[in-house]
C-alpha cells in the first residue's frame, strides 16, 4: 500500500539548509 506523510514548518522552508525524513524502528 501507500501513505503520504506531511511535515508543516512554523516558518518559511527557505530558512532551512535542508529538510528530510528519518525513521526509527
PDBML (XML) file of the C-alpha atoms, coordinates in Angstrom:
<?xml version="1.0" encoding="UTF-8" ?>
<PDBx:datablock datablockName="MODEL"
   xmlns:PDBx="http://pdbml.pdb.org/schema/pdbx-v50.xsd"
   xmlns:xsi="http://www.w3.org/2001/XMLSchema-instance"
   xsi:schemaLocation="http://pdbml.pdb.org/schema/pdbx-v50.xsd pdbx-v50.xsd">
   <PDBx:atom_siteCategory>
      <PDBx:atom_site id="1">
         <PDBx:B_iso_or_equiv>0.00</PDBx:B_iso_or_equiv>
         <PDBx:Cartn_x>0.000</PDBx:Cartn_x>
         <PDBx:Cartn_y>0.000</PDBx:Cartn_y>
         <PDBx:Cartn_z>0.000</PDBx:Cartn_z>
         <PDBx:auth_asym_id>A</PDBx:auth_asym_id>
         <PDBx:auth_atom_id>CA</PDBx:auth_atom_id>
         <PDBx:auth_comp_id>UNK</PDBx:auth_comp_id>
         <PDBx:auth_seq_id>1</PDBx:auth_seq_id>
         <PDBx:group_PDB>ATOM</PDBx:group_PDB>
         <PDBx:label_alt_id xsi:nil="true" />
         <PDBx:label_asym_id>A</PDBx:label_asym_id>
         <PDBx:label_atom_id>CA</PDBx:label_atom_id>
         <PDBx:label_comp_id>UNK</PDBx:label_comp_id>
         <PDBx:label_entity_id>1</PDBx:label_entity_id>
         <PDBx:label_seq_id>1</PDBx:label_seq_id>
         <PDBx:occupancy>1.00</PDBx:occupancy>
         <PDBx:pdbx_PDB_model_num>1</PDBx:pdbx_PDB_model_num>
         <PDBx:type_symbol>C</PDBx:type_symbol>
      </PDBx:atom_site>
      <PDBx:atom_site id="2">
         <PDBx:B_iso_or_equiv>0.00</PDBx:B_iso_or_equiv>
         <PDBx:Cartn_x>0.791</PDBx:Cartn_x>
         <PDBx:Cartn_y>3.696</PDBx:Cartn_y>
         <PDBx:Cartn_z>0.056</PDBx:Cartn_z>
         <PDBx:auth_asym_id>A</PDBx:auth_asym_id>
         <PDBx:auth_atom_id>CA</PDBx:auth_atom_id>
         <PDBx:auth_comp_id>UNK</PDBx:auth_comp_id>
         <PDBx:auth_seq_id>2</PDBx:auth_seq_id>
         <PDBx:group_PDB>ATOM</PDBx:group_PDB>
         <PDBx:label_alt_id xsi:nil="true" />
         <PDBx:label_asym_id>A</PDBx:label_asym_id>
         <PDBx:label_atom_id>CA</PDBx:label_atom_id>
         <PDBx:label_comp_id>UNK</PDBx:label_comp_id>
         <PDBx:label_entity_id>1</PDBx:label_entity_id>
         <PDBx:label_seq_id>2</PDBx:label_seq_id>
         <PDBx:occupancy>1.00</PDBx:occupancy>
         <PDBx:pdbx_PDB_model_num>1</PDBx:pdbx_PDB_model_num>
         <PDBx:type_symbol>C</PDBx:type_symbol>
      </PDBx:atom_site>
      <PDBx:atom_site id="3">
         <PDBx:B_iso_or_equiv>0.00</PDBx:B_iso_or_equiv>
         <PDBx:Cartn_x>0.916</PDBx:Cartn_x>
         <PDBx:Cartn_y>6.518</PDBx:Cartn_y>
         <PDBx:Cartn_z>2.572</PDBx:Cartn_z>
         <PDBx:auth_asym_id>A</PDBx:auth_asym_id>
         <PDBx:auth_atom_id>CA</PDBx:auth_atom_id>
         <PDBx:auth_comp_id>UNK</PDBx:auth_comp_id>
         <PDBx:auth_seq_id>3</PDBx:auth_seq_id>
         <PDBx:group_PDB>ATOM</PDBx:group_PDB>
         <PDBx:label_alt_id xsi:nil="true" />
         <PDBx:label_asym_id>A</PDBx:label_asym_id>
         <PDBx:label_atom_id>CA</PDBx:label_atom_id>
         <PDBx:label_comp_id>UNK</PDBx:label_comp_id>
         <PDBx:label_entity_id>1</PDBx:label_entity_id>
         <PDBx:label_seq_id>3</PDBx:label_seq_id>
         <PDBx:occupancy>1.00</PDBx:occupancy>
         <PDBx:pdbx_PDB_model_num>1</PDBx:pdbx_PDB_model_num>
         <PDBx:type_symbol>C</PDBx:type_symbol>
      </PDBx:atom_site>
      <PDBx:atom_site id="4">
         <PDBx:B_iso_or_equiv>0.00</PDBx:B_iso_or_equiv>
         <PDBx:Cartn_x>1.781</PDBx:Cartn_x>
         <PDBx:Cartn_y>10.177</PDBx:Cartn_y>
         <PDBx:Cartn_z>2.311</PDBx:Cartn_z>
         <PDBx:auth_asym_id>A</PDBx:auth_asym_id>
         <PDBx:auth_atom_id>CA</PDBx:auth_atom_id>
         <PDBx:auth_comp_id>UNK</PDBx:auth_comp_id>
         <PDBx:auth_seq_id>4</PDBx:auth_seq_id>
         <PDBx:group_PDB>ATOM</PDBx:group_PDB>
         <PDBx:label_alt_id xsi:nil="true" />
         <PDBx:label_asym_id>A</PDBx:label_asym_id>
         <PDBx:label_atom_id>CA</PDBx:label_atom_id>
         <PDBx:label_comp_id>UNK</PDBx:label_comp_id>
         <PDBx:label_entity_id>1</PDBx:label_entity_id>
         <PDBx:label_seq_id>4</PDBx:label_seq_id>
         <PDBx:occupancy>1.00</PDBx:occupancy>
         <PDBx:pdbx_PDB_model_num>1</PDBx:pdbx_PDB_model_num>
         <PDBx:type_symbol>C</PDBx:type_symbol>
      </PDBx:atom_site>
      <PDBx:atom_site id="5">
         <PDBx:B_iso_or_equiv>0.00</PDBx:B_iso_or_equiv>
         <PDBx:Cartn_x>3.481</PDBx:Cartn_x>
         <PDBx:Cartn_y>11.929</PDBx:Cartn_y>
         <PDBx:Cartn_z>5.218</PDBx:Cartn_z>
         <PDBx:auth_asym_id>A</PDBx:auth_asym_id>
         <PDBx:auth_atom_id>CA</PDBx:auth_atom_id>
         <PDBx:auth_comp_id>UNK</PDBx:auth_comp_id>
         <PDBx:auth_seq_id>5</PDBx:auth_seq_id>
         <PDBx:group_PDB>ATOM</PDBx:group_PDB>
         <PDBx:label_alt_id xsi:nil="true" />
         <PDBx:label_asym_id>A</PDBx:label_asym_id>
         <PDBx:label_atom_id>CA</PDBx:label_atom_id>
         <PDBx:label_comp_id>UNK</PDBx:label_comp_id>
         <PDBx:label_entity_id>1</PDBx:label_entity_id>
         <PDBx:label_seq_id>5</PDBx:label_seq_id>
         <PDBx:occupancy>1.00</PDBx:occupancy>
         <PDBx:pdbx_PDB_model_num>1</PDBx:pdbx_PDB_model_num>
         <PDBx:type_symbol>C</PDBx:type_symbol>
      </PDBx:atom_site>
      <PDBx:atom_site id="6">
         <PDBx:B_iso_or_equiv>0.00</PDBx:B_iso_or_equiv>
         <PDBx:Cartn_x>3.469</PDBx:Cartn_x>
         <PDBx:Cartn_y>15.688</PDBx:Cartn_y>
         <PDBx:Cartn_z>5.548</PDBx:Cartn_z>
         <PDBx:auth_asym_id>A</PDBx:auth_asym_id>
         <PDBx:auth_atom_id>CA</PDBx:auth_atom_id>
         <PDBx:auth_comp_id>UNK</PDBx:auth_comp_id>
         <PDBx:auth_seq_id>6</PDBx:auth_seq_id>
         <PDBx:group_PDB>ATOM</PDBx:group_PDB>
         <PDBx:label_alt_id xsi:nil="true" />
         <PDBx:label_asym_id>A</PDBx:label_asym_id>
         <PDBx:label_atom_id>CA</PDBx:label_atom_id>
         <PDBx:label_comp_id>UNK</PDBx:label_comp_id>
         <PDBx:label_entity_id>1</PDBx:label_entity_id>
         <PDBx:label_seq_id>6</PDBx:label_seq_id>
         <PDBx:occupancy>1.00</PDBx:occupancy>
         <PDBx:pdbx_PDB_model_num>1</PDBx:pdbx_PDB_model_num>
         <PDBx:type_symbol>C</PDBx:type_symbol>
      </PDBx:atom_site>
      <PDBx:atom_site id="7">
         <PDBx:B_iso_or_equiv>0.00</PDBx:B_iso_or_equiv>
         <PDBx:Cartn_x>5.528</PDBx:Cartn_x>
         <PDBx:Cartn_y>17.995</PDBx:Cartn_y>
         <PDBx:Cartn_z>7.724</PDBx:Cartn_z>
         <PDBx:auth_asym_id>A</PDBx:auth_asym_id>
         <PDBx:auth_atom_id>CA</PDBx:auth_atom_id>
         <PDBx:auth_comp_id>UNK</PDBx:auth_comp_id>
         <PDBx:auth_seq_id>7</PDBx:auth_seq_id>
         <PDBx:group_PDB>ATOM</PDBx:group_PDB>
         <PDBx:label_alt_id xsi:nil="true" />
         <PDBx:label_asym_id>A</PDBx:label_asym_id>
         <PDBx:label_atom_id>CA</PDBx:label_atom_id>
         <PDBx:label_comp_id>UNK</PDBx:label_comp_id>
         <PDBx:label_entity_id>1</PDBx:label_entity_id>
         <PDBx:label_seq_id>7</PDBx:label_seq_id>
         <PDBx:occupancy>1.00</PDBx:occupancy>
         <PDBx:pdbx_PDB_model_num>1</PDBx:pdbx_PDB_model_num>
         <PDBx:type_symbol>C</PDBx:type_symbol>
      </PDBx:atom_site>
      <PDBx:atom_site id="8">
         <PDBx:B_iso_or_equiv>0.00</PDBx:B_iso_or_equiv>
         <PDBx:Cartn_x>4.408</PDBx:Cartn_x>
         <PDBx:Cartn_y>21.567</PDBx:Cartn_y>
         <PDBx:Cartn_z>8.319</PDBx:Cartn_z>
         <PDBx:auth_asym_id>A</PDBx:auth_asym_id>
         <PDBx:auth_atom_id>CA</PDBx:auth_atom_id>
         <PDBx:auth_comp_id>UNK</PDBx:auth_comp_id>
         <PDBx:auth_seq_id>8</PDBx:auth_seq_id>
         <PDBx:group_PDB>ATOM</PDBx:group_PDB>
         <PDBx:label_alt_id xsi:nil="true" />
         <PDBx:label_asym_id>A</PDBx:label_asym_id>
         <PDBx:label_atom_id>CA</PDBx:label_atom_id>
         <PDBx:label_comp_id>UNK</PDBx:label_comp_id>
         <PDBx:label_entity_id>1</PDBx:label_entity_id>
         <PDBx:label_seq_id>8</PDBx:label_seq_id>
         <PDBx:occupancy>1.00</PDBx:occupancy>
         <PDBx:pdbx_PDB_model_num>1</PDBx:pdbx_PDB_model_num>
         <PDBx:type_symbol>C</PDBx:type_symbol>
      </PDBx:atom_site>
      <PDBx:atom_site id="9">
         <PDBx:B_iso_or_equiv>0.00</PDBx:B_iso_or_equiv>
         <PDBx:Cartn_x>7.033</PDBx:Cartn_x>
         <PDBx:Cartn_y>24.057</PDBx:Cartn_y>
         <PDBx:Cartn_z>9.436</PDBx:Cartn_z>
         <PDBx:auth_asym_id>A</PDBx:auth_asym_id>
         <PDBx:auth_atom_id>CA</PDBx:auth_atom_id>
         <PDBx:auth_comp_id>UNK</PDBx:auth_comp_id>
         <PDBx:auth_seq_id>9</PDBx:auth_seq_id>
         <PDBx:group_PDB>ATOM</PDBx:group_PDB>
         <PDBx:label_alt_id xsi:nil="true" />
         <PDBx:label_asym_id>A</PDBx:label_asym_id>
         <PDBx:label_atom_id>CA</PDBx:label_atom_id>
         <PDBx:label_comp_id>UNK</PDBx:label_comp_id>
         <PDBx:label_entity_id>1</PDBx:label_entity_id>
         <PDBx:label_seq_id>9</PDBx:label_seq_id>
         <PDBx:occupancy>1.00</PDBx:occupancy>
         <PDBx:pdbx_PDB_model_num>1</PDBx:pdbx_PDB_model_num>
         <PDBx:type_symbol>C</PDBx:type_symbol>
      </PDBx:atom_site>
      <PDBx:atom_site id="10">
         <PDBx:B_iso_or_equiv>0.00</PDBx:B_iso_or_equiv>
         <PDBx:Cartn_x>6.432</PDBx:Cartn_x>
         <PDBx:Cartn_y>27.134</PDBx:Cartn_y>
         <PDBx:Cartn_z>11.576</PDBx:Cartn_z>
         <PDBx:auth_asym_id>A</PDBx:auth_asym_id>
         <PDBx:auth_atom_id>CA</PDBx:auth_atom_id>
         <PDBx:auth_comp_id>UNK</PDBx:auth_comp_id>
         <PDBx:auth_seq_id>10</PDBx:auth_seq_id>
         <PDBx:group_PDB>ATOM</PDBx:group_PDB>
         <PDBx:label_alt_id xsi:nil="true" />
         <PDBx:label_asym_id>A</PDBx:label_asym_id>
         <PDBx:label_atom_id>CA</PDBx:label_atom_id>
         <PDBx:label_comp_id>UNK</PDBx:label_comp_id>
         <PDBx:label_entity_id>1</PDBx:label_entity_id>
         <PDBx:label_seq_id>10</PDBx:label_seq_id>
         <PDBx:occupancy>1.00</PDBx:occupancy>
         <PDBx:pdbx_PDB_model_num>1</PDBx:pdbx_PDB_model_num>
         <PDBx:type_symbol>C</PDBx:type_symbol>
      </PDBx:atom_site>
      <PDBx:atom_site id="11">
         <PDBx:B_iso_or_equiv>0.00</PDBx:B_iso_or_equiv>
         <PDBx:Cartn_x>8.400</PDBx:Cartn_x>
         <PDBx:Cartn_y>29.329</PDBx:Cartn_y>
         <PDBx:Cartn_z>9.210</PDBx:Cartn_z>
         <PDBx:auth_asym_id>A</PDBx:auth_asym_id>
         <PDBx:auth_atom_id>CA</PDBx:auth_atom_id>
         <PDBx:auth_comp_id>UNK</PDBx:auth_comp_id>
         <PDBx:auth_seq_id>11</PDBx:auth_seq_id>
         <PDBx:group_PDB>ATOM</PDBx:group_PDB>
         <PDBx:label_alt_id xsi:nil="true" />
         <PDBx:label_asym_id>A</PDBx:label_asym_id>
         <PDBx:label_atom_id>CA</PDBx:label_atom_id>
         <PDBx:label_comp_id>UNK</PDBx:label_comp_id>
         <PDBx:label_entity_id>1</PDBx:label_entity_id>
         <PDBx:label_seq_id>11</PDBx:label_seq_id>
         <PDBx:occupancy>1.00</PDBx:occupancy>
         <PDBx:pdbx_PDB_model_num>1</PDBx:pdbx_PDB_model_num>
         <PDBx:type_symbol>C</PDBx:type_symbol>
      </PDBx:atom_site>
      <PDBx:atom_site id="12">
         <PDBx:B_iso_or_equiv>0.00</PDBx:B_iso_or_equiv>
         <PDBx:Cartn_x>9.477</PDBx:Cartn_x>
         <PDBx:Cartn_y>29.522</PDBx:Cartn_y>
         <PDBx:Cartn_z>5.585</PDBx:Cartn_z>
         <PDBx:auth_asym_id>A</PDBx:auth_asym_id>
         <PDBx:auth_atom_id>CA</PDBx:auth_atom_id>
         <PDBx:auth_comp_id>UNK</PDBx:auth_comp_id>
         <PDBx:auth_seq_id>12</PDBx:auth_seq_id>
         <PDBx:group_PDB>ATOM</PDBx:group_PDB>
         <PDBx:label_alt_id xsi:nil="true" />
         <PDBx:label_asym_id>A</PDBx:label_asym_id>
         <PDBx:label_atom_id>CA</PDBx:label_atom_id>
         <PDBx:label_comp_id>UNK</PDBx:label_comp_id>
         <PDBx:label_entity_id>1</PDBx:label_entity_id>
         <PDBx:label_seq_id>12</PDBx:label_seq_id>
         <PDBx:occupancy>1.00</PDBx:occupancy>
         <PDBx:pdbx_PDB_model_num>1</PDBx:pdbx_PDB_model_num>
         <PDBx:type_symbol>C</PDBx:type_symbol>
      </PDBx:atom_site>
      <PDBx:atom_site id="13">
         <PDBx:B_iso_or_equiv>0.00</PDBx:B_iso_or_equiv>
         <PDBx:Cartn_x>11.370</PDBx:Cartn_x>
         <PDBx:Cartn_y>26.462</PDBx:Cartn_y>
         <PDBx:Cartn_z>4.406</PDBx:Cartn_z>
         <PDBx:auth_asym_id>A</PDBx:auth_asym_id>
         <PDBx:auth_atom_id>CA</PDBx:auth_atom_id>
         <PDBx:auth_comp_id>UNK</PDBx:auth_comp_id>
         <PDBx:auth_seq_id>13</PDBx:auth_seq_id>
         <PDBx:group_PDB>ATOM</PDBx:group_PDB>
         <PDBx:label_alt_id xsi:nil="true" />
         <PDBx:label_asym_id>A</PDBx:label_asym_id>
         <PDBx:label_atom_id>CA</PDBx:label_atom_id>
         <PDBx:label_comp_id>UNK</PDBx:label_comp_id>
         <PDBx:label_entity_id>1</PDBx:label_entity_id>
         <PDBx:label_seq_id>13</PDBx:label_seq_id>
         <PDBx:occupancy>1.00</PDBx:occupancy>
         <PDBx:pdbx_PDB_model_num>1</PDBx:pdbx_PDB_model_num>
         <PDBx:type_symbol>C</PDBx:type_symbol>
      </PDBx:atom_site>
      <PDBx:atom_site id="14">
         <PDBx:B_iso_or_equiv>0.00</PDBx:B_iso_or_equiv>
         <PDBx:Cartn_x>13.770</PDBx:Cartn_x>
         <PDBx:Cartn_y>28.846</PDBx:Cartn_y>
         <PDBx:Cartn_z>2.678</PDBx:Cartn_z>
         <PDBx:auth_asym_id>A</PDBx:auth_asym_id>
         <PDBx:auth_atom_id>CA</PDBx:auth_atom_id>
         <PDBx:auth_comp_id>UNK</PDBx:auth_comp_id>
         <PDBx:auth_seq_id>14</PDBx:auth_seq_id>
         <PDBx:group_PDB>ATOM</PDBx:group_PDB>
         <PDBx:label_alt_id xsi:nil="true" />
         <PDBx:label_asym_id>A</PDBx:label_asym_id>
         <PDBx:label_atom_id>CA</PDBx:label_atom_id>
         <PDBx:label_comp_id>UNK</PDBx:label_comp_id>
         <PDBx:label_entity_id>1</PDBx:label_entity_id>
         <PDBx:label_seq_id>14</PDBx:label_seq_id>
         <PDBx:occupancy>1.00</PDBx:occupancy>
         <PDBx:pdbx_PDB_model_num>1</PDBx:pdbx_PDB_model_num>
         <PDBx:type_symbol>C</PDBx:type_symbol>
      </PDBx:atom_site>
      <PDBx:atom_site id="15">
         <PDBx:B_iso_or_equiv>0.00</PDBx:B_iso_or_equiv>
         <PDBx:Cartn_x>15.321</PDBx:Cartn_x>
         <PDBx:Cartn_y>29.349</PDBx:Cartn_y>
         <PDBx:Cartn_z>6.104</PDBx:Cartn_z>
         <PDBx:auth_asym_id>A</PDBx:auth_asym_id>
         <PDBx:auth_atom_id>CA</PDBx:auth_atom_id>
         <PDBx:auth_comp_id>UNK</PDBx:auth_comp_id>
         <PDBx:auth_seq_id>15</PDBx:auth_seq_id>
         <PDBx:group_PDB>ATOM</PDBx:group_PDB>
         <PDBx:label_alt_id xsi:nil="true" />
         <PDBx:label_asym_id>A</PDBx:label_asym_id>
         <PDBx:label_atom_id>CA</PDBx:label_atom_id>
         <PDBx:label_comp_id>UNK</PDBx:label_comp_id>
         <PDBx:label_entity_id>1</PDBx:label_entity_id>
         <PDBx:label_seq_id>15</PDBx:label_seq_id>
         <PDBx:occupancy>1.00</PDBx:occupancy>
         <PDBx:pdbx_PDB_model_num>1</PDBx:pdbx_PDB_model_num>
         <PDBx:type_symbol>C</PDBx:type_symbol>
      </PDBx:atom_site>
      <PDBx:atom_site id="16">
         <PDBx:B_iso_or_equiv>0.00</PDBx:B_iso_or_equiv>
         <PDBx:Cartn_x>16.419</PDBx:Cartn_x>
         <PDBx:Cartn_y>25.708</PDBx:Cartn_y>
         <PDBx:Cartn_z>6.181</PDBx:Cartn_z>
         <PDBx:auth_asym_id>A</PDBx:auth_asym_id>
         <PDBx:auth_atom_id>CA</PDBx:auth_atom_id>
         <PDBx:auth_comp_id>UNK</PDBx:auth_comp_id>
         <PDBx:auth_seq_id>16</PDBx:auth_seq_id>
         <PDBx:group_PDB>ATOM</PDBx:group_PDB>
         <PDBx:label_alt_id xsi:nil="true" />
         <PDBx:label_asym_id>A</PDBx:label_asym_id>
         <PDBx:label_atom_id>CA</PDBx:label_atom_id>
         <PDBx:label_comp_id>UNK</PDBx:label_comp_id>
         <PDBx:label_entity_id>1</PDBx:label_entity_id>
         <PDBx:label_seq_id>16</PDBx:label_seq_id>
         <PDBx:occupancy>1.00</PDBx:occupancy>
         <PDBx:pdbx_PDB_model_num>1</PDBx:pdbx_PDB_model_num>
         <PDBx:type_symbol>C</PDBx:type_symbol>
      </PDBx:atom_site>
      <PDBx:atom_site id="17">
         <PDBx:B_iso_or_equiv>0.00</PDBx:B_iso_or_equiv>
         <PDBx:Cartn_x>19.543</PDBx:Cartn_x>
         <PDBx:Cartn_y>24.315</PDBx:Cartn_y>
         <PDBx:Cartn_z>4.563</PDBx:Cartn_z>
         <PDBx:auth_asym_id>A</PDBx:auth_asym_id>
         <PDBx:auth_atom_id>CA</PDBx:auth_atom_id>
         <PDBx:auth_comp_id>UNK</PDBx:auth_comp_id>
         <PDBx:auth_seq_id>17</PDBx:auth_seq_id>
         <PDBx:group_PDB>ATOM</PDBx:group_PDB>
         <PDBx:label_alt_id xsi:nil="true" />
         <PDBx:label_asym_id>A</PDBx:label_asym_id>
         <PDBx:label_atom_id>CA</PDBx:label_atom_id>
         <PDBx:label_comp_id>UNK</PDBx:label_comp_id>
         <PDBx:label_entity_id>1</PDBx:label_entity_id>
         <PDBx:label_seq_id>17</PDBx:label_seq_id>
         <PDBx:occupancy>1.00</PDBx:occupancy>
         <PDBx:pdbx_PDB_model_num>1</PDBx:pdbx_PDB_model_num>
         <PDBx:type_symbol>C</PDBx:type_symbol>
      </PDBx:atom_site>
      <PDBx:atom_site id="18">
         <PDBx:B_iso_or_equiv>0.00</PDBx:B_iso_or_equiv>
         <PDBx:Cartn_x>17.762</PDBx:Cartn_x>
         <PDBx:Cartn_y>21.012</PDBx:Cartn_y>
         <PDBx:Cartn_z>4.101</PDBx:Cartn_z>
         <PDBx:auth_asym_id>A</PDBx:auth_asym_id>
         <PDBx:auth_atom_id>CA</PDBx:auth_atom_id>
         <PDBx:auth_comp_id>UNK</PDBx:auth_comp_id>
         <PDBx:auth_seq_id>18</PDBx:auth_seq_id>
         <PDBx:group_PDB>ATOM</PDBx:group_PDB>
         <PDBx:label_alt_id xsi:nil="true" />
         <PDBx:label_asym_id>A</PDBx:label_asym_id>
         <PDBx:label_atom_id>CA</PDBx:label_atom_id>
         <PDBx:label_comp_id>UNK</PDBx:label_comp_id>
         <PDBx:label_entity_id>1</PDBx:label_entity_id>
         <PDBx:label_seq_id>18</PDBx:label_seq_id>
         <PDBx:occupancy>1.00</PDBx:occupancy>
         <PDBx:pdbx_PDB_model_num>1</PDBx:pdbx_PDB_model_num>
         <PDBx:type_symbol>C</PDBx:type_symbol>
      </PDBx:atom_site>
      <PDBx:atom_site id="19">
         <PDBx:B_iso_or_equiv>0.00</PDBx:B_iso_or_equiv>
         <PDBx:Cartn_x>14.723</PDBx:Cartn_x>
         <PDBx:Cartn_y>19.084</PDBx:Cartn_y>
         <PDBx:Cartn_z>5.224</PDBx:Cartn_z>
         <PDBx:auth_asym_id>A</PDBx:auth_asym_id>
         <PDBx:auth_atom_id>CA</PDBx:auth_atom_id>
         <PDBx:auth_comp_id>UNK</PDBx:auth_comp_id>
         <PDBx:auth_seq_id>19</PDBx:auth_seq_id>
         <PDBx:group_PDB>ATOM</PDBx:group_PDB>
         <PDBx:label_alt_id xsi:nil="true" />
         <PDBx:label_asym_id>A</PDBx:label_asym_id>
         <PDBx:label_atom_id>CA</PDBx:label_atom_id>
         <PDBx:label_comp_id>UNK</PDBx:label_comp_id>
         <PDBx:label_entity_id>1</PDBx:label_entity_id>
         <PDBx:label_seq_id>19</PDBx:label_seq_id>
         <PDBx:occupancy>1.00</PDBx:occupancy>
         <PDBx:pdbx_PDB_model_num>1</PDBx:pdbx_PDB_model_num>
         <PDBx:type_symbol>C</PDBx:type_symbol>
      </PDBx:atom_site>
      <PDBx:atom_site id="20">
         <PDBx:B_iso_or_equiv>0.00</PDBx:B_iso_or_equiv>
         <PDBx:Cartn_x>14.238</PDBx:Cartn_x>
         <PDBx:Cartn_y>15.392</PDBx:Cartn_y>
         <PDBx:Cartn_z>5.454</PDBx:Cartn_z>
         <PDBx:auth_asym_id>A</PDBx:auth_asym_id>
         <PDBx:auth_atom_id>CA</PDBx:auth_atom_id>
         <PDBx:auth_comp_id>UNK</PDBx:auth_comp_id>
         <PDBx:auth_seq_id>20</PDBx:auth_seq_id>
         <PDBx:group_PDB>ATOM</PDBx:group_PDB>
         <PDBx:label_alt_id xsi:nil="true" />
         <PDBx:label_asym_id>A</PDBx:label_asym_id>
         <PDBx:label_atom_id>CA</PDBx:label_atom_id>
         <PDBx:label_comp_id>UNK</PDBx:label_comp_id>
         <PDBx:label_entity_id>1</PDBx:label_entity_id>
         <PDBx:label_seq_id>20</PDBx:label_seq_id>
         <PDBx:occupancy>1.00</PDBx:occupancy>
         <PDBx:pdbx_PDB_model_num>1</PDBx:pdbx_PDB_model_num>
         <PDBx:type_symbol>C</PDBx:type_symbol>
      </PDBx:atom_site>
      <PDBx:atom_site id="21">
         <PDBx:B_iso_or_equiv>0.00</PDBx:B_iso_or_equiv>
         <PDBx:Cartn_x>12.594</PDBx:Cartn_x>
         <PDBx:Cartn_y>12.351</PDBx:Cartn_y>
         <PDBx:Cartn_z>6.921</PDBx:Cartn_z>
         <PDBx:auth_asym_id>A</PDBx:auth_asym_id>
         <PDBx:auth_atom_id>CA</PDBx:auth_atom_id>
         <PDBx:auth_comp_id>UNK</PDBx:auth_comp_id>
         <PDBx:auth_seq_id>21</PDBx:auth_seq_id>
         <PDBx:group_PDB>ATOM</PDBx:group_PDB>
         <PDBx:label_alt_id xsi:nil="true" />
         <PDBx:label_asym_id>A</PDBx:label_asym_id>
         <PDBx:label_atom_id>CA</PDBx:label_atom_id>
         <PDBx:label_comp_id>UNK</PDBx:label_comp_id>
         <PDBx:label_entity_id>1</PDBx:label_entity_id>
         <PDBx:label_seq_id>21</PDBx:label_seq_id>
         <PDBx:occupancy>1.00</PDBx:occupancy>
         <PDBx:pdbx_PDB_model_num>1</PDBx:pdbx_PDB_model_num>
         <PDBx:type_symbol>C</PDBx:type_symbol>
      </PDBx:atom_site>
      <PDBx:atom_site id="22">
         <PDBx:B_iso_or_equiv>0.00</PDBx:B_iso_or_equiv>
         <PDBx:Cartn_x>14.197</PDBx:Cartn_x>
         <PDBx:Cartn_y>9.920</PDBx:Cartn_y>
         <PDBx:Cartn_z>9.302</PDBx:Cartn_z>
         <PDBx:auth_asym_id>A</PDBx:auth_asym_id>
         <PDBx:auth_atom_id>CA</PDBx:auth_atom_id>
         <PDBx:auth_comp_id>UNK</PDBx:auth_comp_id>
         <PDBx:auth_seq_id>22</PDBx:auth_seq_id>
         <PDBx:group_PDB>ATOM</PDBx:group_PDB>
         <PDBx:label_alt_id xsi:nil="true" />
         <PDBx:label_asym_id>A</PDBx:label_asym_id>
         <PDBx:label_atom_id>CA</PDBx:label_atom_id>
         <PDBx:label_comp_id>UNK</PDBx:label_comp_id>
         <PDBx:label_entity_id>1</PDBx:label_entity_id>
         <PDBx:label_seq_id>22</PDBx:label_seq_id>
         <PDBx:occupancy>1.00</PDBx:occupancy>
         <PDBx:pdbx_PDB_model_num>1</PDBx:pdbx_PDB_model_num>
         <PDBx:type_symbol>C</PDBx:type_symbol>
      </PDBx:atom_site>
      <PDBx:atom_site id="23">
         <PDBx:B_iso_or_equiv>0.00</PDBx:B_iso_or_equiv>
         <PDBx:Cartn_x>12.760</PDBx:Cartn_x>
         <PDBx:Cartn_y>6.793</PDBx:Cartn_y>
         <PDBx:Cartn_z>10.849</PDBx:Cartn_z>
         <PDBx:auth_asym_id>A</PDBx:auth_asym_id>
         <PDBx:auth_atom_id>CA</PDBx:auth_atom_id>
         <PDBx:auth_comp_id>UNK</PDBx:auth_comp_id>
         <PDBx:auth_seq_id>23</PDBx:auth_seq_id>
         <PDBx:group_PDB>ATOM</PDBx:group_PDB>
         <PDBx:label_alt_id xsi:nil="true" />
         <PDBx:label_asym_id>A</PDBx:label_asym_id>
         <PDBx:label_atom_id>CA</PDBx:label_atom_id>
         <PDBx:label_comp_id>UNK</PDBx:label_comp_id>
         <PDBx:label_entity_id>1</PDBx:label_entity_id>
         <PDBx:label_seq_id>23</PDBx:label_seq_id>
         <PDBx:occupancy>1.00</PDBx:occupancy>
         <PDBx:pdbx_PDB_model_num>1</PDBx:pdbx_PDB_model_num>
         <PDBx:type_symbol>C</PDBx:type_symbol>
      </PDBx:atom_site>
      <PDBx:atom_site id="24">
         <PDBx:B_iso_or_equiv>0.00</PDBx:B_iso_or_equiv>
         <PDBx:Cartn_x>13.383</PDBx:Cartn_x>
         <PDBx:Cartn_y>4.696</PDBx:Cartn_y>
         <PDBx:Cartn_z>13.905</PDBx:Cartn_z>
         <PDBx:auth_asym_id>A</PDBx:auth_asym_id>
         <PDBx:auth_atom_id>CA</PDBx:auth_atom_id>
         <PDBx:auth_comp_id>UNK</PDBx:auth_comp_id>
         <PDBx:auth_seq_id>24</PDBx:auth_seq_id>
         <PDBx:group_PDB>ATOM</PDBx:group_PDB>
         <PDBx:label_alt_id xsi:nil="true" />
         <PDBx:label_asym_id>A</PDBx:label_asym_id>
         <PDBx:label_atom_id>CA</PDBx:label_atom_id>
         <PDBx:label_comp_id>UNK</PDBx:label_comp_id>
         <PDBx:label_entity_id>1</PDBx:label_entity_id>
         <PDBx:label_seq_id>24</PDBx:label_seq_id>
         <PDBx:occupancy>1.00</PDBx:occupancy>
         <PDBx:pdbx_PDB_model_num>1</PDBx:pdbx_PDB_model_num>
         <PDBx:type_symbol>C</PDBx:type_symbol>
      </PDBx:atom_site>
      <PDBx:atom_site id="25">
         <PDBx:B_iso_or_equiv>0.00</PDBx:B_iso_or_equiv>
         <PDBx:Cartn_x>12.183</PDBx:Cartn_x>
         <PDBx:Cartn_y>1.140</PDBx:Cartn_y>
         <PDBx:Cartn_z>14.319</PDBx:Cartn_z>
         <PDBx:auth_asym_id>A</PDBx:auth_asym_id>
         <PDBx:auth_atom_id>CA</PDBx:auth_atom_id>
         <PDBx:auth_comp_id>UNK</PDBx:auth_comp_id>
         <PDBx:auth_seq_id>25</PDBx:auth_seq_id>
         <PDBx:group_PDB>ATOM</PDBx:group_PDB>
         <PDBx:label_alt_id xsi:nil="true" />
         <PDBx:label_asym_id>A</PDBx:label_asym_id>
         <PDBx:label_atom_id>CA</PDBx:label_atom_id>
         <PDBx:label_comp_id>UNK</PDBx:label_comp_id>
         <PDBx:label_entity_id>1</PDBx:label_entity_id>
         <PDBx:label_seq_id>25</PDBx:label_seq_id>
         <PDBx:occupancy>1.00</PDBx:occupancy>
         <PDBx:pdbx_PDB_model_num>1</PDBx:pdbx_PDB_model_num>
         <PDBx:type_symbol>C</PDBx:type_symbol>
      </PDBx:atom_site>
   </PDBx:atom_siteCategory>
</PDBx:datablock>
